[in-house]
Protein backbone atom coordinates (compact mmCIF):
# COMPACT_ATOMS: atom_id res chain seq x y z
CA MET A 1 40.32 67.84 -167.85
CA SER A 2 42.86 68.71 -165.08
CA GLN A 3 46.13 67.28 -164.34
CA PRO A 4 46.08 64.22 -162.18
CA ASP A 5 46.22 64.32 -158.44
CA LYS A 6 47.71 61.59 -156.12
CA VAL A 7 45.92 59.06 -153.84
CA SER A 8 48.48 57.55 -151.31
CA ILE A 9 47.65 53.72 -150.39
CA ARG A 10 50.10 53.16 -147.52
CA PRO A 11 51.54 51.85 -145.69
CA GLN A 12 49.04 48.60 -145.82
CA VAL A 13 49.77 48.18 -149.33
CA THR A 14 50.73 44.24 -148.86
CA MET A 15 47.21 43.91 -146.76
CA LEU A 16 45.50 44.31 -150.31
CA SER A 17 47.23 41.30 -151.59
CA VAL A 18 45.54 38.94 -148.91
CA LEU A 19 42.30 40.18 -149.28
CA LYS A 20 41.26 38.23 -152.69
CA PHE A 21 41.85 34.89 -150.67
CA LEU A 22 39.16 36.14 -147.63
CA GLU A 23 35.84 33.86 -147.23
CA TYR A 24 33.49 35.75 -148.75
CA GLU A 25 30.20 34.42 -150.39
CA THR A 26 29.31 36.62 -153.61
CA TRP A 27 26.45 38.57 -151.71
CA PHE A 28 28.17 39.47 -149.12
CA ALA A 29 31.10 40.92 -150.76
CA LEU A 30 28.74 42.74 -152.72
CA ALA A 31 27.03 44.01 -150.05
CA GLU A 32 30.12 45.80 -148.91
CA PHE A 33 29.43 48.25 -151.78
CA VAL A 34 25.73 48.14 -150.86
CA ASP A 35 26.55 49.02 -146.99
CA ASN A 36 29.23 52.04 -147.90
CA ALA A 37 26.48 53.65 -150.32
CA ILE A 38 23.87 53.08 -147.30
CA ALA A 39 26.51 54.90 -144.51
CA SER A 40 27.26 58.24 -147.12
CA TYR A 41 22.59 58.29 -147.55
CA LEU A 42 22.35 58.54 -144.01
CA LYS A 43 25.13 60.68 -143.02
CA TYR A 44 24.08 63.27 -145.80
CA GLU A 45 20.48 62.62 -145.82
CA ARG A 46 19.36 65.87 -144.65
CA GLN A 47 21.54 67.97 -147.18
CA LEU A 48 20.81 65.18 -149.88
CA LYS A 49 17.12 66.17 -149.34
CA THR A 50 17.73 69.77 -149.41
CA ILE A 51 19.17 69.28 -153.11
CA GLU A 52 16.58 66.67 -154.01
CA GLY A 53 13.39 67.23 -152.51
CA LYS A 54 12.12 65.36 -148.98
CA ASP A 55 10.99 62.09 -151.27
CA PHE A 56 14.57 61.34 -152.01
CA LYS A 57 15.57 57.90 -151.96
CA LEU A 58 18.88 56.21 -152.02
CA GLN A 59 18.85 53.93 -155.16
CA VAL A 60 22.22 51.23 -155.80
CA SER A 61 22.50 49.39 -158.72
CA ILE A 62 24.23 46.23 -159.49
CA GLU A 63 24.94 45.38 -162.84
CA ILE A 64 26.68 41.76 -163.97
CA ASN A 65 27.96 41.68 -167.04
CA GLU A 66 28.65 37.72 -167.99
CA PRO A 67 29.81 38.46 -171.47
CA GLU A 68 32.28 41.45 -170.40
CA ASN A 69 33.13 39.81 -167.28
CA LYS A 70 32.77 42.70 -165.49
CA ILE A 71 30.49 44.13 -162.45
CA THR A 72 29.80 47.41 -161.95
CA ILE A 73 28.08 49.05 -158.83
CA ARG A 74 26.37 52.86 -158.88
CA ASP A 75 24.94 54.67 -156.24
CA ASN A 76 23.23 57.86 -155.77
CA ALA A 77 24.80 58.63 -152.59
CA ALA A 78 26.79 61.55 -150.99
CA GLY A 79 29.76 60.61 -153.05
CA ILE A 80 33.75 60.19 -151.56
CA ASN A 81 34.18 63.87 -150.45
CA GLU A 82 37.37 65.62 -150.47
CA ILE A 83 38.15 65.11 -146.54
CA ASP A 84 37.64 61.36 -146.93
CA TYR A 85 39.38 60.24 -150.15
CA PRO A 86 42.64 59.93 -148.82
CA ARG A 87 41.44 57.76 -145.91
CA ALA A 88 38.96 55.46 -148.53
CA PHE A 89 41.70 53.99 -150.38
CA ARG A 90 44.06 53.05 -147.60
CA ALA A 91 43.69 49.41 -145.99
CA ALA A 92 42.36 49.31 -142.61
CA GLU A 93 42.17 53.04 -142.22
CA ILE A 94 39.00 53.16 -139.62
CA PRO A 95 36.59 56.11 -140.32
CA PRO A 96 35.89 58.77 -137.67
CA ASP A 97 32.56 57.69 -137.15
CA ASN A 98 32.46 53.91 -137.28
CA THR A 99 28.90 53.55 -135.95
CA GLY A 100 27.20 52.92 -138.95
CA LEU A 101 27.68 49.85 -141.81
CA SER A 102 31.29 51.28 -142.92
CA GLU A 103 33.32 50.65 -139.54
CA PHE A 104 36.47 48.67 -140.20
CA GLY A 105 37.73 50.97 -143.35
CA MET A 106 38.01 47.87 -145.33
CA GLY A 107 34.87 47.13 -147.15
CA MET A 108 35.21 48.53 -150.39
CA LYS A 109 38.79 47.46 -150.56
CA SER A 110 38.07 44.23 -149.50
CA ALA A 111 35.21 43.06 -151.70
CA ALA A 112 36.82 45.03 -154.72
CA CYS A 113 40.13 42.78 -154.29
CA TRP A 114 38.29 39.78 -153.46
CA PHE A 115 36.24 39.85 -157.14
CA ALA A 116 39.06 41.23 -159.14
CA ASP A 117 42.79 42.34 -159.86
CA GLU A 118 41.43 45.53 -161.74
CA TRP A 119 38.98 47.73 -160.40
CA CYS A 120 38.32 51.60 -160.33
CA VAL A 121 36.38 53.95 -158.63
CA THR A 122 34.67 57.14 -160.00
CA SER A 123 32.91 59.59 -157.65
CA THR A 124 31.61 63.06 -157.48
CA ALA A 125 30.88 64.39 -153.79
CA LEU A 126 28.07 66.64 -152.70
CA GLY A 127 28.90 70.32 -153.32
CA GLU A 128 32.04 69.49 -154.85
CA PRO A 129 32.53 70.47 -158.53
CA VAL A 130 34.62 67.83 -159.43
CA GLU A 131 34.87 64.04 -160.67
CA LYS A 132 37.68 61.77 -159.55
CA ARG A 133 38.77 58.54 -160.85
CA VAL A 134 41.51 56.12 -159.47
CA LEU A 135 42.27 52.82 -160.78
CA PHE A 136 43.58 50.06 -159.38
CA GLU A 137 45.77 47.34 -161.15
CA MET A 138 46.83 44.94 -158.15
CA LYS A 139 49.49 43.26 -159.83
CA LYS A 140 51.51 46.06 -160.75
CA ILE A 141 51.13 47.82 -157.03
CA PHE A 142 52.28 44.46 -155.85
CA LEU A 143 55.20 44.46 -158.58
CA ASP A 144 56.25 47.94 -158.83
CA LYS A 145 55.50 48.09 -154.70
CA ILE A 146 53.56 51.37 -156.00
CA GLU A 147 52.12 53.55 -152.54
CA GLU A 148 50.52 55.99 -154.54
CA LEU A 149 47.94 56.14 -157.55
CA ASP A 150 47.17 58.70 -159.70
CA VAL A 151 44.08 60.30 -159.62
CA GLU A 152 41.61 61.89 -162.98
CA VAL A 153 40.16 64.48 -162.23
CA ASN A 154 37.30 66.49 -164.19
CA GLN A 155 34.81 69.05 -164.05
CA SER A 156 31.57 68.16 -162.56
CA GLU A 157 27.99 70.14 -161.50
CA LYS A 158 28.28 71.05 -157.90
CA ASN A 159 25.12 69.69 -157.04
CA TYR A 160 26.16 65.84 -158.41
CA HIS A 161 26.80 63.14 -155.93
CA TYR A 162 27.36 59.33 -156.98
CA THR A 163 29.91 56.48 -156.73
CA THR A 164 30.40 54.29 -159.51
CA ILE A 165 32.84 51.24 -158.75
CA GLU A 166 33.75 48.91 -162.04
CA LEU A 167 35.29 45.65 -161.46
CA PHE A 168 37.35 44.28 -164.34
CA ASN A 169 38.52 40.77 -165.56
CA VAL A 170 35.89 38.94 -162.23
CA ASN A 171 37.47 36.33 -160.96
CA ARG A 172 34.67 35.25 -159.54
CA MET A 173 31.55 36.04 -161.64
CA PRO A 174 27.85 34.79 -160.69
CA ARG A 175 26.54 33.11 -163.61
CA ARG A 176 22.92 31.77 -164.07
CA ARG A 177 21.77 30.48 -161.16
CA GLY A 178 24.23 32.63 -159.24
CA VAL A 179 22.60 35.56 -160.16
CA GLY A 180 19.16 34.77 -158.47
CA LYS A 181 20.81 33.45 -155.30
CA VAL A 182 22.53 36.90 -155.11
CA LYS A 183 19.47 38.54 -155.54
CA GLU A 184 17.36 36.44 -152.78
CA HIS A 185 20.08 37.25 -150.35
CA LEU A 186 20.53 41.07 -151.43
CA GLN A 187 17.05 41.65 -150.95
CA SER A 188 17.26 39.39 -147.43
CA ILE A 189 19.93 41.12 -146.10
CA TYR A 190 18.48 44.75 -146.84
CA ARG A 191 14.67 43.70 -145.97
CA ASP A 192 14.54 46.44 -143.31
CA PHE A 193 15.98 49.82 -145.28
CA ILE A 194 13.83 48.26 -148.75
CA ARG A 195 10.63 48.03 -146.60
CA LYS A 196 11.36 51.23 -145.15
CA GLY A 197 11.75 52.97 -148.34
CA ILE A 198 15.17 54.29 -147.60
CA LEU A 199 17.00 51.96 -150.40
CA ILE A 200 15.73 51.12 -153.73
CA LEU A 201 18.02 47.84 -154.56
CA LYS A 202 18.41 46.59 -158.19
CA VAL A 203 20.13 43.95 -159.86
CA ASP A 204 20.49 43.54 -163.44
CA GLY A 205 17.09 46.05 -163.90
CA GLU A 206 15.44 44.38 -161.44
CA GLU A 207 14.24 45.71 -158.23
CA LEU A 208 14.51 43.71 -155.15
CA LYS A 209 11.31 43.26 -153.33
CA TYR A 210 11.33 41.02 -149.79
CA HIS A 211 8.35 39.25 -149.77
CA GLU A 212 6.78 38.50 -146.19
CA PRO A 213 6.46 35.10 -145.20
CA LYS A 214 2.62 34.69 -144.25
CA ILE A 215 2.19 33.77 -140.81
CA LEU A 216 -0.12 30.68 -139.17
CA ASN A 217 -3.07 32.16 -137.90
CA VAL A 218 -5.05 28.95 -136.26
CA PRO A 219 -6.08 27.57 -132.86
CA ARG A 220 -3.39 26.33 -130.42
CA PHE A 221 -2.75 22.67 -131.60
CA ASP A 222 -4.18 21.16 -128.05
CA GLU A 223 -7.49 23.26 -128.52
CA PRO A 224 -8.34 22.76 -132.46
CA LYS A 225 -11.93 23.95 -131.94
CA GLY A 226 -10.55 27.31 -130.39
CA GLU A 227 -10.00 30.52 -131.59
CA ASP A 228 -7.88 31.49 -134.62
CA ILE A 229 -4.01 32.64 -132.71
CA TYR A 230 -1.62 34.61 -134.75
CA TRP A 231 1.31 33.20 -134.29
CA LYS A 232 3.65 35.70 -133.71
CA LYS A 233 5.71 36.99 -130.54
CA GLU A 234 7.32 40.28 -129.95
CA ILE A 235 10.88 39.61 -128.04
CA SER A 236 12.76 42.08 -126.20
CA PHE A 237 15.36 41.31 -123.40
CA VAL A 238 18.67 42.05 -122.14
CA ILE A 239 21.65 40.08 -121.99
CA GLU A 240 23.86 42.69 -119.82
CA ASP A 241 24.56 46.36 -119.59
CA GLY A 242 24.96 47.74 -123.64
CA MET A 243 23.82 44.03 -125.32
CA SER A 244 19.95 43.61 -125.56
CA VAL A 245 17.35 41.93 -128.43
CA HIS A 246 14.51 42.97 -130.19
CA GLY A 247 12.18 41.89 -133.06
CA PHE A 248 9.88 39.00 -133.70
CA VAL A 249 9.82 35.30 -133.42
CA ALA A 250 6.82 33.44 -135.45
CA ILE A 251 5.73 30.38 -137.36
CA ARG A 252 5.30 30.28 -141.15
CA GLU A 253 1.90 29.60 -142.41
CA LYS A 254 3.86 27.48 -145.12
CA ALA A 255 6.90 25.33 -144.02
CA SER A 256 10.38 25.65 -145.54
CA THR A 257 13.08 23.84 -145.05
CA SER A 258 15.50 26.26 -146.82
CA GLU A 259 13.55 29.49 -145.48
CA ALA A 260 12.99 28.95 -142.07
CA GLY A 261 15.37 30.07 -139.56
CA PHE A 262 16.33 33.37 -137.75
CA ALA A 263 17.85 36.49 -139.35
CA LEU A 264 20.34 38.19 -137.05
CA PHE A 265 20.13 42.07 -137.61
CA ARG A 266 22.64 44.38 -136.73
CA ARG A 267 22.52 48.58 -137.74
CA GLY A 268 19.78 47.73 -139.75
CA ARG A 269 20.53 44.90 -142.07
CA VAL A 270 20.94 41.06 -141.71
CA ILE A 271 24.55 39.83 -140.41
CA GLU A 272 23.42 35.84 -140.22
CA GLY A 273 20.82 34.42 -141.80
CA SER A 274 19.60 35.41 -144.87
CA PHE A 275 17.58 33.93 -147.39
CA ASP A 276 18.35 29.99 -147.23
CA ASN A 277 21.09 30.40 -144.63
CA GLY A 278 18.58 31.18 -141.70
CA PHE A 279 20.39 31.30 -137.93
CA ARG A 280 18.99 27.64 -136.55
CA PRO A 281 20.60 26.76 -133.30
CA ASP A 282 19.61 22.78 -132.36
CA PHE A 283 19.06 24.24 -129.06
CA ILE A 284 15.60 25.91 -129.99
CA PHE A 285 15.21 24.20 -133.40
CA GLY A 286 15.80 20.63 -132.88
CA ALA A 287 16.74 18.16 -135.73
CA PRO A 288 16.63 19.17 -139.54
CA ASN A 289 13.23 16.58 -139.80
CA SER A 290 11.38 18.31 -136.92
CA TYR A 291 8.81 20.38 -137.98
CA ARG A 292 9.53 23.76 -135.70
CA TYR A 293 12.83 23.49 -137.88
CA GLN A 294 10.93 24.24 -141.29
CA ARG A 295 8.35 26.45 -139.56
CA VAL A 296 9.95 28.69 -136.78
CA PHE A 297 11.28 31.77 -138.10
CA GLY A 298 11.78 35.53 -137.12
CA GLU A 299 13.76 38.78 -137.32
CA LEU A 300 16.04 39.66 -134.25
CA HIS A 301 18.00 42.93 -134.04
CA LEU A 302 21.23 42.89 -131.83
CA GLU A 303 22.30 46.21 -130.04
CA GLY A 304 25.84 46.07 -128.61
CA PHE A 305 27.22 43.23 -130.37
CA ASP A 306 30.70 42.90 -132.51
CA VAL A 307 30.59 41.56 -135.99
CA SER A 308 33.62 39.52 -137.70
CA PHE A 309 35.92 41.59 -140.41
CA THR A 310 33.62 40.32 -143.42
CA LYS A 311 30.26 41.15 -141.25
CA LYS A 312 28.98 37.31 -142.19
CA GLY A 313 28.75 36.26 -138.61
CA ILE A 314 28.15 37.77 -134.94
CA LYS A 315 31.02 37.85 -132.22
CA TRP A 316 29.24 35.68 -129.36
CA ASP A 317 32.07 35.38 -127.07
CA GLU A 318 30.50 33.81 -124.09
CA ASN A 319 26.64 35.40 -124.73
CA LEU A 320 25.05 32.77 -127.09
CA ASP A 321 24.21 30.57 -124.17
CA VAL A 322 22.54 32.99 -122.54
CA PHE A 323 20.94 34.72 -125.79
CA LEU A 324 19.44 31.42 -126.36
CA ARG A 325 18.12 30.16 -123.35
CA LEU A 326 16.47 33.71 -122.74
CA LEU A 327 15.07 33.36 -126.18
CA LYS A 328 13.95 29.89 -125.93
CA ASP A 329 12.12 30.81 -122.55
CA ASP A 330 9.98 33.84 -124.42
CA ILE A 331 9.00 31.33 -126.99
CA SER A 332 8.10 28.20 -125.50
CA ASN A 333 6.25 29.52 -122.33
CA LYS A 334 2.53 28.09 -121.29
CA THR A 335 0.69 31.31 -122.52
CA PHE A 336 2.05 31.28 -126.13
CA PRO A 337 3.75 27.94 -126.50
CA LEU A 338 5.22 29.26 -130.14
CA LEU A 339 7.84 26.27 -129.87
CA GLN A 340 4.95 23.86 -129.15
CA GLN A 341 2.55 25.11 -131.74
CA ALA A 342 5.35 24.90 -134.27
CA GLU A 343 6.50 21.35 -133.66
CA GLN A 344 2.42 19.89 -132.88
CA TYR A 345 0.26 21.73 -135.38
CA ARG A 346 -0.19 19.52 -138.69
CA VAL A 347 -1.84 21.22 -141.84
CA ARG A 348 -4.67 20.20 -143.06
CA ALA A 349 -4.23 20.42 -147.48
CA THR A 350 -6.88 21.91 -149.48
CA GLU A 351 -9.07 19.91 -151.96
CA LYS A 352 -6.85 21.83 -154.89
CA GLU A 353 -3.81 20.02 -153.12
CA TYR A 354 -5.22 16.92 -152.71
CA LYS A 355 -6.33 16.51 -156.11
CA ALA A 356 -2.71 17.47 -157.11
CA ALA A 357 -1.79 14.25 -155.59
CA LYS A 358 -3.28 12.75 -158.91
CA LYS A 359 0.37 12.62 -160.12
CA ALA A 360 1.46 10.13 -157.48
CA LEU A 361 -1.70 7.61 -158.28
CA ASP A 362 -0.24 7.65 -162.28
CA VAL A 363 3.07 7.01 -161.46
CA THR A 364 2.57 4.43 -159.20
CA VAL A 365 -0.55 2.51 -161.19
CA TYR A 366 1.98 3.04 -164.69
CA ASP A 367 4.84 0.98 -162.83
CA PHE A 368 2.33 -1.51 -160.76
CA GLU A 369 0.96 -2.46 -164.64
CA LYS A 370 4.53 -3.12 -165.98
CA LYS A 371 5.86 -4.84 -162.80
CA ALA A 372 2.90 -6.42 -160.79
CA PRO A 373 2.15 -9.64 -163.09
CA GLN A 374 5.86 -11.10 -162.71
CA ALA A 375 5.99 -9.56 -159.35
CA VAL A 376 2.51 -11.60 -158.58
CA ALA A 377 3.72 -14.59 -159.98
CA GLU A 378 6.94 -14.72 -158.27
CA VAL A 379 4.88 -14.73 -154.90
CA VAL A 380 2.34 -17.18 -155.89
CA ASN A 381 5.25 -19.18 -157.28
CA SER A 382 3.75 -22.35 -159.00
CA SER A 383 0.06 -21.88 -157.56
CA SER A 384 -2.65 -22.94 -159.62
CA SER A 385 -5.02 -20.86 -158.07
CA VAL A 386 -5.82 -17.99 -155.77
CA ALA A 387 -8.82 -17.41 -153.00
CA GLU A 388 -11.51 -14.60 -153.81
CA PRO A 389 -10.86 -11.85 -151.84
CA GLU A 390 -13.29 -11.16 -149.31
CA GLN A 391 -16.37 -8.79 -149.98
CA LEU A 392 -16.74 -5.51 -147.88
CA GLU A 393 -19.02 -2.94 -147.93
CA LEU A 394 -16.92 -0.02 -148.13
CA LYS A 395 -18.00 3.85 -147.48
CA PRO A 396 -18.76 5.14 -150.75
CA THR A 397 -17.23 8.82 -151.14
CA GLN A 398 -17.43 11.28 -154.27
CA LYS A 399 -13.53 12.64 -152.78
CA THR A 400 -11.72 10.35 -154.81
CA LEU A 401 -8.86 10.30 -157.06
CA HIS A 402 -9.81 7.23 -158.79
CA ARG A 403 -7.04 4.47 -161.57
CA GLU A 404 -7.19 0.96 -162.69
CA PHE A 405 -5.27 -1.33 -164.44
CA GLU A 406 -5.39 -5.10 -165.29
CA ILE A 407 -2.74 -8.04 -164.56
CA ARG A 408 -2.73 -11.56 -165.79
CA PHE A 409 -1.21 -14.40 -163.74
CA ASN A 410 -1.78 -17.99 -163.82
CA LYS A 411 -4.38 -18.24 -166.58
CA GLU A 412 -6.82 -15.65 -164.46
CA ASN A 413 -6.63 -11.98 -165.18
CA TRP A 414 -7.27 -9.69 -162.52
CA LYS A 415 -8.59 -6.33 -162.13
CA VAL A 416 -7.15 -3.49 -159.85
CA SER A 417 -8.82 -1.00 -158.59
CA MET A 418 -6.81 2.16 -156.71
CA GLU A 419 -8.58 5.03 -155.04
CA LEU A 420 -7.09 8.16 -152.96
CA SER A 421 -9.75 9.92 -151.13
CA TYR A 422 -9.31 13.17 -149.00
CA ASP A 423 -12.80 12.54 -147.58
CA PRO A 424 -12.13 13.88 -143.96
CA SER A 425 -14.76 11.51 -142.44
CA LEU A 426 -12.91 7.93 -143.44
CA LYS A 427 -11.35 6.60 -140.33
CA GLU A 428 -8.96 3.65 -141.86
CA LEU A 429 -5.82 4.69 -143.24
CA ILE A 430 -6.02 1.24 -145.73
CA GLU A 431 -9.22 -0.08 -147.48
CA VAL A 432 -9.43 -3.46 -149.52
CA GLY A 433 -12.66 -4.29 -151.14
CA ASP A 434 -14.44 -3.89 -153.84
CA SER A 435 -17.53 -1.42 -153.16
CA PHE A 436 -15.03 1.62 -155.03
CA ILE A 437 -14.36 -0.21 -158.24
CA LYS A 438 -16.17 2.04 -160.39
CA GLU A 439 -17.07 -0.53 -163.68
CA LYS A 440 -17.70 -4.06 -161.65
CA THR A 441 -17.76 -6.86 -163.91
CA ASN A 442 -20.08 -9.98 -163.61
CA ASP A 443 -17.34 -12.10 -165.49
CA GLU A 444 -16.68 -14.64 -162.84
CA SER A 445 -13.07 -15.25 -164.43
CA ILE A 446 -11.71 -12.02 -163.37
CA ARG A 447 -10.35 -11.37 -160.16
CA GLN A 448 -11.42 -7.49 -158.36
CA ILE A 449 -9.80 -5.88 -156.17
CA GLY A 450 -10.01 -2.42 -154.44
CA ILE A 451 -7.63 -0.77 -152.74
CA ARG A 452 -8.14 2.50 -151.33
CA LEU A 453 -5.87 4.95 -148.94
CA SER A 454 -6.99 7.50 -146.92
CA LEU A 455 -5.28 11.29 -147.75
CA THR A 456 -6.50 12.33 -144.39
CA HIS A 457 -5.84 9.84 -142.39
CA PRO A 458 -3.94 11.47 -139.16
CA PHE A 459 -0.88 9.56 -140.44
CA MET A 460 -0.76 10.96 -143.89
CA ILE A 461 -1.85 14.45 -142.54
CA GLU A 462 1.88 14.55 -140.35
CA PHE A 463 3.93 12.35 -142.64
CA ALA A 464 2.73 13.48 -146.45
CA GLY A 465 0.21 15.96 -146.18
CA ALA A 466 -0.42 16.76 -150.10
CA ASP A 467 3.21 16.65 -151.25
CA THR A 468 3.62 14.24 -154.15
CA SER A 469 6.77 13.34 -153.35
CA LYS A 470 5.59 11.57 -150.06
CA ILE A 471 2.53 10.35 -151.19
CA GLU A 472 3.84 8.08 -153.60
CA PRO A 473 6.26 5.89 -151.50
CA ILE A 474 3.17 5.24 -149.37
CA LEU A 475 0.83 4.68 -152.28
CA ARG A 476 3.07 2.17 -153.54
CA ILE A 477 3.28 0.40 -150.16
CA VAL A 478 -0.49 0.43 -149.65
CA ALA A 479 -0.97 -1.30 -152.99
CA ALA A 480 1.56 -3.78 -152.45
CA PHE A 481 -0.58 -4.39 -148.78
CA GLY A 482 -3.34 -4.49 -150.70
CA LEU A 483 -2.27 -7.68 -153.37
CA SER A 484 -0.39 -9.33 -150.45
CA GLU A 485 -3.50 -9.67 -148.21
CA VAL A 486 -5.54 -11.15 -150.92
CA LEU A 487 -2.56 -13.69 -151.65
CA ALA A 488 -2.35 -14.49 -148.22
CA LYS A 489 -6.43 -15.55 -147.95
CA ARG A 490 -5.29 -18.76 -149.78
CA THR A 491 -3.43 -20.25 -146.94
CA LYS A 492 -5.36 -18.23 -144.19
CA ILE A 493 -2.04 -17.77 -142.39
CA ILE A 494 -1.36 -14.54 -141.16
CA GLY A 495 2.27 -14.44 -141.76
CA ASP A 496 1.69 -14.88 -145.22
CA VAL A 497 0.72 -11.40 -145.37
CA ARG A 498 4.04 -10.32 -144.37
CA ARG A 499 6.10 -12.47 -146.47
CA ASN A 500 4.16 -11.73 -149.17
CA PHE A 501 4.15 -7.82 -148.59
CA ASN A 502 8.02 -8.15 -148.21
CA GLU A 503 8.60 -10.17 -151.63
CA LEU A 504 6.11 -8.40 -153.73
CA ILE A 505 7.85 -4.62 -152.15
CA SER A 506 11.13 -6.11 -153.50
CA TYR A 507 10.16 -7.40 -156.85
CA LEU A 508 8.30 -4.34 -157.47
CA SER A 509 11.12 -2.02 -156.45
CA LYS A 510 13.86 -3.63 -158.74
CA GLN A 511 15.33 -1.46 -161.50
CA GLU A 512 14.77 -2.32 -165.00
């Protein structure tokens, strides 16, 4: 071990004290370290592959040690060389080449200070036979107004190259679910480097992989029997001299409220729109409950744009409106109406997905078994009899989910059959009759009623699909409507259907 060397951290030492108050997200702060590693790798790629072989890849490993409250970031890039060492630890020292991901000279310092008051950097540079370690103790630096830090220097192999950053007593430690979200965002931010085979990124030993969304491949919404179209549109346009956009916009095969939206890239990494924070301007995506809001996604690479200091946003200035107008025109033209397709297309669920709706049927039947007798009694009030329901001949079908329950009120037994059908040939949304009662009884003292809801009706396809959480409330309404219709036959007054329905649904919705 040699004698400690020195590294200057002046003249902006005081700047370091405010870095902990920056508006970072955990993944954006960690991304600063990854950015530095990528910048180092790309700058020295040729030299690295000369030593390590043509198949050499950049590896960055992030270890989140919750028990020790410590985060460690390791990379096998080219290290911090002698020339860059003094600049690397001074705040706001812009590198000579700021065309890559390390452009402000602040990434490592700002991210480290945001995470912790104590951190250290250990690095050995390609071609230099020494390892250097410098420790930052922020409270001591500010208290004693330290302007130079000791650098511990050790001998190393000439061809070694790495940087290790250790964050101690972390103030913003990602925990449990937070770690999962960090992984999702990082694999989204660096998807382009990952898919190109440039970067192997690991968090707690897990290699991050970006999962490409499946793209919709169906006919146009206004030509349902036409040929399948792969709903992806390549994008390329110029905003002004030196500012351009390229990439693609597409429609997700499976809608996702959280994962739709645009990812905006600059210099190969996502700046806005990673994972569940998709860039979704109202001008293009409309309201959050619209279908295009859940289906449209894309990757747009912006050239000639500046970014915020923390790299979490594009500096649009007056160019945002122009960008959005040009983009919308490109994806809503008559020859390839991508936006219209996303809004108008309705996904028909699979038979397996429809069968999953049994959960909604079970829950509804269970609730009606408990609550319906009292609810019906309340509606009938003191009536002593109920008219026999009209016997309708309903089309039989095998594509059904079926449950029955029995209730008793006013000294009569009722047998209620509830059916969910996914037979696309059915035309009616709601049917009331007895033809789909599985086991009819000849006992005239038992009133029988059948209620059927079609899952393949256009209304259900548009508003529920195979989503159990959406089917269940509709099924409750349908069941209450069927019962109210039967009760109303006693008076033959049309208005009684509505009155009975309103009263039934109110009684059935009361909390126990």
